[in-house]
Amino acid sequence: MAANRSLTWASRLALPLTIGFMFAQASIYDVQGGSRAVIFDRLYGVKQSVIGEGTHFLVPWLQRAVIMDVRTTPRNISTTTGSKDLQMVSLTLRVLHRPDVPHLPQIYQNLGLDYDERVLPSIGNEVLKAIVAQFDAAELITQREIVSARIRDELVKRAGEFGIALEDVSITHMTFGKEFTKAVEEKQIAQQDAERARFIVEKAEQERQASVIRAEGEAEAAETISKALDKAGDGLLLIRRIEASKEIAQTLAKTPNVTYVPSGKDGSALLLNVSR
């Protein structure tokens, strides 16, 4: 009898304990690192409070926790638009974004969990088209930093209206139409040809100046030698003959087939009687 009574009590307690355990389990939820929670209440809608990381409680069935990722996420935005001078430009923008934590209830209520899919491509294309249309194609190349800064400032402002914070915005890809690309290549080739022609002209001018300086130096040297000869008379010529004779004698002495150094007809040394 006692055993039957204990079984009866156990069976009576099993159902309430099971229901209580399920109720307690449904009342607890965890918010992981890098995430926040928004509470949806069946009676009051989305609550305006944001739940931080950790373990929290809610009322089962009546309330539901919506977990939202608040970490920075990269996204690429691509568009093709026209520049100020009607050149077609293809751009790719890299955006690092995250939801603004205090605005999570409004983001979930107005946009949903896929808020980035709904907002970023739309405002990204709008800003890109508006900014690029203010610059010529050549300015987009030479003033790329200015263009990127203008796009970043405008896109940060537009994203802030939807509760989205942008950590970084940068242009990663920019291409132009075939006609403009061909025109740029031809311009570069023409500039290179002009630089080459200018180099040739400068080189010729330098060579001409060098020739003039060299000719002036030779003329000055000849004048100096002429003056020296006038002052020295026959003595300088005699020294030159002796030096030339020594060089010829040394050369002949080194030749195997020559056994003596020839002299002039009157017995004078070699070349000493030249021009007598």
C-alpha atoms as a PDB file:
ATOM      1  CA  MET A   1       0.000   0.000   0.000  1.00  0.00           C
ATOM      2  CA  ALA A   2       2.804   2.401   0.897  1.00  0.00           C
ATOM      3  CA  ALA A   3       4.522   1.723  -2.412  1.00  0.00           C
ATOM      4  CA  ASN A   4       1.321   2.393  -4.306  1.00  0.00           C
ATOM      5  CA  ARG A   5       0.835   5.669  -2.444  1.00  0.00           C
ATOM      6  CA  SER A   6       4.406   6.820  -3.260  1.00  0.00           C
ATOM      7  CA  LEU A   7       3.899   6.030  -6.925  1.00  0.00           C
ATOM      8  CA  THR A   8       0.670   7.960  -6.919  1.00  0.00           C
ATOM      9  CA  TRP A   9       2.345  11.004  -5.381  1.00  0.00           C
ATOM     10  CA  ALA A  10       5.220  10.753  -7.859  1.00  0.00           C
ATOM     11  CA  SER A  11       2.875  10.606 -10.815  1.00  0.00           C
ATOM     12  CA  ARG A  12       0.973  13.592  -9.467  1.00  0.00           C
ATOM     13  CA  LEU A  13       4.188  15.629  -9.094  1.00  0.00           C
ATOM     14  CA  ALA A  14       5.740  14.597 -12.422  1.00  0.00           C
ATOM     15  CA  LEU A  15       3.457  16.707 -14.592  1.00  0.00           C
ATOM     16  CA  PRO A  16       3.777  19.945 -12.562  1.00  0.00           C
ATOM     17  CA  LEU A  17       7.535  19.483 -12.329  1.00  0.00           C
ATOM     18  CA  THR A  18       7.791  18.931 -16.071  1.00  0.00           C
ATOM     19  CA  ILE A  19       5.673  21.979 -16.796  1.00  0.00           C
ATOM     20  CA  GLY A  20       7.698  24.042 -14.320  1.00  0.00           C
ATOM     21  CA  PHE A  21      10.988  22.925 -15.875  1.00  0.00           C
ATOM     22  CA  MET A  22       9.798  23.769 -19.381  1.00  0.00           C
ATOM     23  CA  PHE A  23       8.510  27.146 -18.158  1.00  0.00           C
ATOM     24  CA  ALA A  24      11.839  27.937 -16.491  1.00  0.00           C
ATOM     25  CA  GLN A  25      13.779  26.847 -19.569  1.00  0.00           C
ATOM     26  CA  ALA A  26      11.623  29.031 -21.815  1.00  0.00           C
ATOM     27  CA  SER A  27      12.105  31.953 -19.455  1.00  0.00           C
ATOM     28  CA  ILE A  28      15.891  32.008 -19.820  1.00  0.00           C
ATOM     29  CA  TYR A  29      17.850  33.240 -22.831  1.00  0.00           C
ATOM     30  CA  ASP A  30      21.512  34.077 -23.461  1.00  0.00           C
ATOM     31  CA  VAL A  31      23.031  37.012 -25.317  1.00  0.00           C
ATOM     32  CA  GLN A  32      26.452  36.104 -26.709  1.00  0.00           C
ATOM     33  CA  GLY A  33      29.444  38.414 -27.077  1.00  0.00           C
ATOM     34  CA  GLY A  34      29.160  40.818 -29.996  1.00  0.00           C
ATOM     35  CA  SER A  35      25.357  40.640 -29.865  1.00  0.00           C
ATOM     36  CA  ARG A  36      22.457  42.508 -28.273  1.00  0.00           C
ATOM     37  CA  ALA A  37      18.830  41.546 -27.733  1.00  0.00           C
ATOM     38  CA  VAL A  38      15.572  43.334 -28.417  1.00  0.00           C
ATOM     39  CA  ILE A  39      12.403  42.165 -26.687  1.00  0.00           C
ATOM     40  CA  PHE A  40       9.167  41.765 -28.641  1.00  0.00           C
ATOM     41  CA  ASP A  41       6.111  41.813 -26.396  1.00  0.00           C
ATOM     42  CA  ARG A  42       2.782  40.538 -27.710  1.00  0.00           C
ATOM     43  CA  LEU A  43       0.940  43.221 -25.762  1.00  0.00           C
ATOM     44  CA  TYR A  44       3.198  46.257 -26.185  1.00  0.00           C
ATOM     45  CA  GLY A  45       5.184  45.471 -29.320  1.00  0.00           C
ATOM     46  CA  VAL A  46       8.961  46.075 -29.539  1.00  0.00           C
ATOM     47  CA  LYS A  47      10.342  47.407 -26.268  1.00  0.00           C
ATOM     48  CA  GLN A  48      12.698  50.355 -26.520  1.00  0.00           C
ATOM     49  CA  SER A  49      15.303  48.877 -24.167  1.00  0.00           C
ATOM     50  CA  VAL A  50      18.381  47.022 -25.425  1.00  0.00           C
ATOM     51  CA  ILE A  51      19.515  43.901 -23.567  1.00  0.00           C
ATOM     52  CA  GLY A  52      23.273  43.439 -23.163  1.00  0.00           C
ATOM     53  CA  GLU A  53      25.426  40.324 -23.042  1.00  0.00           C
ATOM     54  CA  GLY A  54      24.705  37.593 -20.487  1.00  0.00           C
ATOM     55  CA  THR A  55      21.791  35.471 -19.280  1.00  0.00           C
ATOM     56  CA  HIS A  56      18.369  37.100 -18.901  1.00  0.00           C
ATOM     57  CA  PHE A  57      14.733  36.249 -18.172  1.00  0.00           C
ATOM     58  CA  LEU A  58      11.493  36.907 -20.020  1.00  0.00           C
ATOM     59  CA  VAL A  59       7.847  35.878 -19.886  1.00  0.00           C
ATOM     60  CA  PRO A  60       7.377  32.789 -22.093  1.00  0.00           C
ATOM     61  CA  TRP A  61       4.931  33.051 -24.999  1.00  0.00           C
ATOM     62  CA  LEU A  62       4.174  36.663 -24.106  1.00  0.00           C
ATOM     63  CA  GLN A  63       7.707  37.873 -24.867  1.00  0.00           C
ATOM     64  CA  ARG A  64      10.364  36.875 -27.385  1.00  0.00           C
ATOM     65  CA  ALA A  65      14.042  37.845 -27.492  1.00  0.00           C
ATOM     66  CA  VAL A  66      15.415  38.915 -30.884  1.00  0.00           C
ATOM     67  CA  ILE A  67      19.227  38.553 -31.019  1.00  0.00           C
ATOM     68  CA  MET A  68      21.009  41.080 -33.252  1.00  0.00           C
ATOM     69  CA  ASP A  69      24.684  41.099 -34.269  1.00  0.00           C
ATOM     70  CA  VAL A  70      26.394  44.430 -33.475  1.00  0.00           C
ATOM     71  CA  ARG A  71      29.878  43.584 -34.752  1.00  0.00           C
ATOM     72  CA  THR A  72      31.456  45.487 -37.648  1.00  0.00           C
ATOM     73  CA  THR A  73      30.685  43.840 -40.984  1.00  0.00           C
ATOM     74  CA  PRO A  74      32.225  44.539 -44.433  1.00  0.00           C
ATOM     75  CA  ARG A  75      30.116  45.072 -47.519  1.00  0.00           C
ATOM     76  CA  ASN A  76      30.838  46.000 -51.153  1.00  0.00           C
ATOM     77  CA  ILE A  77      28.602  48.397 -53.060  1.00  0.00           C
ATOM     78  CA  SER A  78      28.995  48.594 -56.851  1.00  0.00           C
ATOM     79  CA  THR A  79      27.448  50.995 -59.325  1.00  0.00           C
ATOM     80  CA  THR A  80      27.885  52.354 -62.854  1.00  0.00           C
ATOM     81  CA  THR A  81      27.173  56.024 -63.386  1.00  0.00           C
ATOM     82  CA  GLY A  82      28.146  59.056 -65.479  1.00  0.00           C
ATOM     83  CA  SER A  83      30.712  61.732 -64.663  1.00  0.00           C
ATOM     84  CA  LYS A  84      30.326  65.472 -65.182  1.00  0.00           C
ATOM     85  CA  ASP A  85      31.747  65.194 -68.721  1.00  0.00           C
ATOM     86  CA  LEU A  86      29.388  62.273 -69.512  1.00  0.00           C
ATOM     87  CA  GLN A  87      31.989  59.510 -69.205  1.00  0.00           C
ATOM     88  CA  MET A  88      30.749  56.164 -67.874  1.00  0.00           C
ATOM     89  CA  VAL A  89      32.416  55.161 -64.604  1.00  0.00           C
ATOM     90  CA  SER A  90      32.179  51.857 -62.726  1.00  0.00           C
ATOM     91  CA  LEU A  91      32.941  52.083 -59.013  1.00  0.00           C
ATOM     92  CA  THR A  92      33.111  49.618 -56.150  1.00  0.00           C
ATOM     93  CA  LEU A  93      32.825  50.920 -52.611  1.00  0.00           C
ATOM     94  CA  ARG A  94      33.928  48.955 -49.533  1.00  0.00           C
ATOM     95  CA  VAL A  95      31.946  49.802 -46.406  1.00  0.00           C
ATOM     96  CA  LEU A  96      32.529  48.644 -42.816  1.00  0.00           C
ATOM     97  CA  HIS A  97      29.236  49.017 -40.967  1.00  0.00           C
ATOM     98  CA  ARG A  98      27.460  48.075 -37.757  1.00  0.00           C
ATOM     99  CA  PRO A  99      24.108  48.959 -36.194  1.00  0.00           C
ATOM    100  CA  ASP A 100      24.057  51.798 -33.692  1.00  0.00           C
ATOM    101  CA  VAL A 101      23.258  49.967 -30.436  1.00  0.00           C
ATOM    102  CA  PRO A 102      20.853  52.554 -28.915  1.00  0.00           C
ATOM    103  CA  HIS A 103      18.827  52.459 -32.156  1.00  0.00           C
ATOM    104  CA  LEU A 104      18.453  48.671 -32.319  1.00  0.00           C
ATOM    105  CA  PRO A 105      14.725  48.691 -31.392  1.00  0.00           C
ATOM    106  CA  GLN A 106      13.956  51.197 -34.170  1.00  0.00           C
ATOM    107  CA  ILE A 107      16.134  49.286 -36.650  1.00  0.00           C
ATOM    108  CA  TYR A 108      14.342  46.009 -35.906  1.00  0.00           C
ATOM    109  CA  GLN A 109      10.932  47.664 -35.879  1.00  0.00           C
ATOM    110  CA  ASN A 110      11.377  49.594 -39.135  1.00  0.00           C
ATOM    111  CA  LEU A 111      13.861  47.523 -41.170  1.00  0.00           C
ATOM    112  CA  GLY A 112      14.148  44.045 -39.666  1.00  0.00           C
ATOM    113  CA  LEU A 113      17.190  41.859 -39.197  1.00  0.00           C
ATOM    114  CA  ASP A 114      18.307  42.330 -42.824  1.00  0.00           C
ATOM    115  CA  TYR A 115      18.544  46.106 -42.408  1.00  0.00           C
ATOM    116  CA  ASP A 116      21.889  46.269 -44.249  1.00  0.00           C
ATOM    117  CA  GLU A 117      20.413  44.598 -47.338  1.00  0.00           C
ATOM    118  CA  ARG A 118      17.538  47.059 -47.353  1.00  0.00           C
ATOM    119  CA  VAL A 119      19.479  50.282 -46.733  1.00  0.00           C
ATOM    120  CA  LEU A 120      23.151  50.184 -47.773  1.00  0.00           C
ATOM    121  CA  PRO A 121      22.832  49.327 -51.504  1.00  0.00           C
ATOM    122  CA  SER A 122      20.140  51.979 -51.936  1.00  0.00           C
ATOM    123  CA  ILE A 123      21.881  54.884 -50.208  1.00  0.00           C
ATOM    124  CA  GLY A 124      25.269  53.746 -51.542  1.00  0.00           C
ATOM    125  CA  ASN A 125      24.157  53.980 -55.163  1.00  0.00           C
ATOM    126  CA  GLU A 126      22.384  57.269 -54.494  1.00  0.00           C
ATOM    127  CA  VAL A 127      25.476  58.881 -52.932  1.00  0.00           C
ATOM    128  CA  LEU A 128      27.871  57.513 -55.554  1.00  0.00           C
ATOM    129  CA  LYS A 129      25.799  58.812 -58.447  1.00  0.00           C
ATOM    130  CA  ALA A 130      25.379  62.235 -56.819  1.00  0.00           C
ATOM    131  CA  ILE A 131      29.068  62.743 -55.979  1.00  0.00           C
ATOM    132  CA  VAL A 132      30.560  61.318 -59.202  1.00  0.00           C
ATOM    133  CA  ALA A 133      28.316  63.579 -61.298  1.00  0.00           C
ATOM    134  CA  GLN A 134      30.116  66.605 -59.784  1.00  0.00           C
ATOM    135  CA  PHE A 135      33.565  65.645 -61.164  1.00  0.00           C
ATOM    136  CA  ASP A 136      35.066  65.173 -64.612  1.00  0.00           C
ATOM    137  CA  ALA A 137      36.536  61.772 -65.429  1.00  0.00           C
ATOM    138  CA  ALA A 138      40.083  63.142 -65.213  1.00  0.00           C
ATOM    139  CA  GLU A 139      39.325  64.716 -61.825  1.00  0.00           C
ATOM    140  CA  LEU A 140      38.097  61.375 -60.510  1.00  0.00           C
ATOM    141  CA  ILE A 141      41.628  60.076 -61.104  1.00  0.00           C
ATOM    142  CA  THR A 142      43.704  63.057 -60.001  1.00  0.00           C
ATOM    143  CA  GLN A 143      41.448  63.967 -57.044  1.00  0.00           C
ATOM    144  CA  ARG A 144      40.575  60.480 -55.885  1.00  0.00           C
ATOM    145  CA  GLU A 145      41.166  61.264 -52.192  1.00  0.00           C
ATOM    146  CA  ILE A 146      38.836  64.251 -52.335  1.00  0.00           C
ATOM    147  CA  VAL A 147      36.152  62.215 -54.110  1.00  0.00           C
ATOM    148  CA  SER A 148      36.501  59.403 -51.551  1.00  0.00           C
ATOM    149  CA  ALA A 149      36.222  61.858 -48.648  1.00  0.00           C
ATOM    150  CA  ARG A 150      33.087  63.445 -50.140  1.00  0.00           C
ATOM    151  CA  ILE A 151      31.486  60.039 -50.615  1.00  0.00           C
ATOM    152  CA  ARG A 152      32.420  58.965 -47.081  1.00  0.00           C
ATOM    153  CA  ASP A 153      31.007  62.102 -45.436  1.00  0.00           C
ATOM    154  CA  GLU A 154      27.742  61.951 -47.354  1.00  0.00           C
ATOM    155  CA  LEU A 155      27.294  58.206 -46.868  1.00  0.00           C
ATOM    156  CA  VAL A 156      27.970  58.432 -43.113  1.00  0.00           C
ATOM    157  CA  LYS A 157      25.336  61.154 -42.882  1.00  0.00           C
ATOM    158  CA  ARG A 158      22.735  59.159 -44.856  1.00  0.00           C
ATOM    159  CA  ALA A 159      23.391  55.905 -42.981  1.00  0.00           C
ATOM    160  CA  GLY A 160      23.069  57.697 -39.644  1.00  0.00           C
ATOM    161  CA  GLU A 161      19.474  58.558 -40.543  1.00  0.00           C
ATOM    162  CA  PHE A 162      18.707  54.811 -40.416  1.00  0.00           C
ATOM    163  CA  GLY A 163      20.666  54.107 -37.220  1.00  0.00           C
ATOM    164  CA  ILE A 164      23.623  52.534 -39.041  1.00  0.00           C
ATOM    165  CA  ALA A 165      27.185  53.507 -38.085  1.00  0.00           C
ATOM    166  CA  LEU A 166      29.920  53.356 -40.755  1.00  0.00           C
ATOM    167  CA  GLU A 167      33.446  52.622 -39.533  1.00  0.00           C
ATOM    168  CA  ASP A 168      35.201  53.040 -42.889  1.00  0.00           C
ATOM    169  CA  VAL A 169      34.316  53.895 -46.480  1.00  0.00           C
ATOM    170  CA  SER A 170      36.822  53.592 -49.335  1.00  0.00           C
ATOM    171  CA  ILE A 171      36.867  53.257 -53.120  1.00  0.00           C
ATOM    172  CA  THR A 172      38.452  49.911 -54.033  1.00  0.00           C
ATOM    173  CA  HIS A 173      37.759  49.811 -57.778  1.00  0.00           C
ATOM    174  CA  MET A 174      37.290  52.441 -60.478  1.00  0.00           C
ATOM    175  CA  THR A 175      37.160  51.844 -64.235  1.00  0.00           C
ATOM    176  CA  PHE A 176      36.115  53.999 -67.177  1.00  0.00           C
ATOM    177  CA  GLY A 177      34.616  53.390 -70.593  1.00  0.00           C
ATOM    178  CA  LYS A 178      36.729  52.096 -73.481  1.00  0.00           C
ATOM    179  CA  GLU A 179      36.794  55.441 -75.293  1.00  0.00           C
ATOM    180  CA  PHE A 180      38.055  57.370 -72.278  1.00  0.00           C
ATOM    181  CA  THR A 181      40.618  54.688 -71.446  1.00  0.00           C
ATOM    182  CA  LYS A 182      41.915  54.805 -75.032  1.00  0.00           C
ATOM    183  CA  ALA A 183      42.091  58.619 -74.922  1.00  0.00           C
ATOM    184  CA  VAL A 184      44.099  58.487 -71.676  1.00  0.00           C
ATOM    185  CA  GLU A 185      46.514  55.970 -73.171  1.00  0.00           C
ATOM    186  CA  GLU A 186      47.009  58.122 -76.296  1.00  0.00           C
ATOM    187  CA  LYS A 187      47.600  61.188 -74.118  1.00  0.00           C
ATOM    188  CA  GLN A 188      50.224  59.340 -72.098  1.00  0.00           C
ATOM    189  CA  ILE A 189      51.981  58.189 -75.266  1.00  0.00           C
ATOM    190  CA  ALA A 190      51.967  61.759 -76.633  1.00  0.00           C
ATOM    191  CA  GLN A 191      53.430  63.065 -73.362  1.00  0.00           C
ATOM    192  CA  GLN A 192      56.160  60.423 -73.452  1.00  0.00           C
ATOM    193  CA  ASP A 193      56.992  61.339 -77.066  1.00  0.00           C
ATOM    194  CA  ALA A 194      57.149  65.028 -76.119  1.00  0.00           C
ATOM    195  CA  GLU A 195      59.456  64.259 -73.200  1.00  0.00           C
ATOM    196  CA  ARG A 196      61.694  62.181 -75.468  1.00  0.00           C
ATOM    197  CA  ALA A 197      61.868  64.980 -78.086  1.00  0.00           C
ATOM    198  CA  ARG A 198      62.704  67.548 -75.414  1.00  0.00           C
ATOM    199  CA  PHE A 199      65.474  65.296 -74.127  1.00  0.00           C
ATOM    200  CA  ILE A 200      66.943  64.987 -77.629  1.00  0.00           C
ATOM    201  CA  VAL A 201      66.873  68.768 -78.085  1.00  0.00           C
ATOM    202  CA  GLU A 202      68.515  69.355 -74.715  1.00  0.00           C
ATOM    203  CA  LYS A 203      71.150  66.717 -75.467  1.00  0.00           C
ATOM    204  CA  ALA A 204      71.962  68.341 -78.841  1.00  0.00           C
ATOM    205  CA  GLU A 205      72.215  71.766 -77.199  1.00  0.00           C
ATOM    206  CA  GLN A 206      74.575  70.400 -74.551  1.00  0.00           C
ATOM    207  CA  GLU A 207      76.724  68.745 -77.228  1.00  0.00           C
ATOM    208  CA  ARG A 208      76.847  72.033 -79.199  1.00  0.00           C
ATOM    209  CA  GLN A 209      77.918  73.954 -76.116  1.00  0.00           C
ATOM    210  CA  ALA A 210      80.571  71.320 -75.378  1.00  0.00           C
ATOM    211  CA  SER A 211      81.912  71.625 -78.945  1.00  0.00           C
ATOM    212  CA  VAL A 212      82.100  75.404 -78.639  1.00  0.00           C
ATOM    213  CA  ILE A 213      83.925  75.167 -75.330  1.00  0.00           C
ATOM    214  CA  ARG A 214      86.291  72.537 -76.718  1.00  0.00           C
ATOM    215  CA  ALA A 215      87.054  74.646 -79.808  1.00  0.00           C
ATOM    216  CA  GLU A 216      87.669  77.713 -77.673  1.00  0.00           C
ATOM    217  CA  GLY A 217      90.025  75.684 -75.478  1.00  0.00           C
ATOM    218  CA  GLU A 218      91.959  74.351 -78.468  1.00  0.00           C
ATOM    219  CA  ALA A 219      92.267  77.830 -79.941  1.00  0.00           C
ATOM    220  CA  GLU A 220      93.507  79.193 -76.633  1.00  0.00           C
ATOM    221  CA  ALA A 221      96.010  76.323 -76.321  1.00  0.00           C
ATOM    222  CA  ALA A 222      97.306  76.922 -79.853  1.00  0.00           C
ATOM    223  CA  GLU A 223      97.717  80.608 -79.123  1.00  0.00           C
ATOM    224  CA  THR A 224      99.607  79.815 -75.917  1.00  0.00           C
ATOM    225  CA  ILE A 225     101.955  77.403 -77.729  1.00  0.00           C
ATOM    226  CA  SER A 226     102.526  79.935 -80.501  1.00  0.00           C
ATOM    227  CA  LYS A 227     103.482  82.580 -77.967  1.00  0.00           C
ATOM    228  CA  ALA A 228     105.786  80.162 -76.170  1.00  0.00           C
ATOM    229  CA  LEU A 229     107.525  79.281 -79.431  1.00  0.00           C
ATOM    230  CA  ASP A 230     108.043  82.926 -80.254  1.00  0.00           C
ATOM    231  CA  LYS A 231     109.682  83.480 -76.869  1.00  0.00           C
ATOM    232  CA  ALA A 232     111.796  80.296 -76.781  1.00  0.00           C
ATOM    233  CA  GLY A 233     113.065  80.416 -80.397  1.00  0.00           C
ATOM    234  CA  ASP A 234     115.103  77.381 -81.629  1.00  0.00           C
ATOM    235  CA  GLY A 235     115.685  76.066 -78.106  1.00  0.00           C
ATOM    236  CA  LEU A 236     112.172  74.679 -77.742  1.00  0.00           C
ATOM    237  CA  LEU A 237     112.337  73.032 -81.166  1.00  0.00           C
ATOM    238  CA  LEU A 238     115.660  71.411 -80.224  1.00  0.00           C
ATOM    239  CA  ILE A 239     114.125  70.013 -77.002  1.00  0.00           C
ATOM    240  CA  ARG A 240     111.192  68.604 -78.970  1.00  0.00           C
ATOM    241  CA  ARG A 241     113.612  66.922 -81.443  1.00  0.00           C
ATOM    242  CA  ILE A 242     115.617  65.365 -78.604  1.00  0.00           C
ATOM    243  CA  GLU A 243     112.444  64.001 -76.932  1.00  0.00           C
ATOM    244  CA  ALA A 244     111.206  62.561 -80.233  1.00  0.00           C
ATOM    245  CA  SER A 245     114.638  60.989 -80.895  1.00  0.00           C
ATOM    246  CA  LYS A 246     114.634  59.327 -77.478  1.00  0.00           C
ATOM    247  CA  GLU A 247     111.206  57.841 -78.041  1.00  0.00           C
ATOM    248  CA  ILE A 248     112.143  56.475 -81.463  1.00  0.00           C
ATOM    249  CA  ALA A 249     115.434  55.081 -80.142  1.00  0.00           C
ATOM    250  CA  GLN A 250     113.660  53.314 -77.252  1.00  0.00           C
ATOM    251  CA  THR A 251     111.136  51.835 -79.668  1.00  0.00           C
ATOM    252  CA  LEU A 252     113.859  50.576 -82.057  1.00  0.00           C
ATOM    253  CA  ALA A 253     115.901  49.170 -79.179  1.00  0.00           C
ATOM    254  CA  LYS A 254     112.981  46.961 -78.166  1.00  0.00           C
ATOM    255  CA  THR A 255     112.655  45.568 -81.714  1.00  0.00           C
ATOM    256  CA  PRO A 256     114.584  42.235 -82.129  1.00  0.00           C
ATOM    257  CA  ASN A 257     115.632  42.897 -85.755  1.00  0.00           C
ATOM    258  CA  VAL A 258     117.325  46.237 -84.970  1.00  0.00           C
ATOM    259  CA  THR A 259     120.885  45.990 -83.587  1.00  0.00           C
ATOM    260  CA  TYR A 260     121.896  49.680 -83.746  1.00  0.00           C
ATOM    261  CA  VAL A 261     120.350  53.080 -83.806  1.00  0.00           C
ATOM    262  CA  PRO A 262     120.877  54.867 -87.127  1.00  0.00           C
ATOM    263  CA  SER A 263     122.179  58.407 -87.252  1.00  0.00           C
ATOM    264  CA  GLY A 264     122.106  61.198 -89.771  1.00  0.00           C
ATOM    265  CA  LYS A 265     124.464  61.439 -92.760  1.00  0.00           C
ATOM    266  CA  ASP A 266     126.776  63.811 -90.967  1.00  0.00           C
ATOM    267  CA  GLY A 267     126.918  61.557 -87.849  1.00  0.00           C
ATOM    268  CA  SER A 268     124.471  63.645 -85.855  1.00  0.00           C
ATOM    269  CA  ALA A 269     121.905  61.977 -83.579  1.00  0.00           C
ATOM    270  CA  LEU A 270     118.614  60.705 -85.034  1.00  0.00           C
ATOM    271  CA  LEU A 271     116.168  63.496 -85.945  1.00  0.00           C
ATOM    272  CA  LEU A 272     118.427  66.128 -84.508  1.00  0.00           C
ATOM    273  CA  ASN A 273     119.030  67.385 -88.031  1.00  0.00           C
ATOM    274  CA  VAL A 274     115.350  67.528 -88.952  1.00  0.00           C
ATOM    275  CA  SER A 275     114.297  70.755 -90.658  1.00  0.00           C
ATOM    276  CA  ARG A 276     117.849  72.081 -90.875  1.00  0.00           C
END
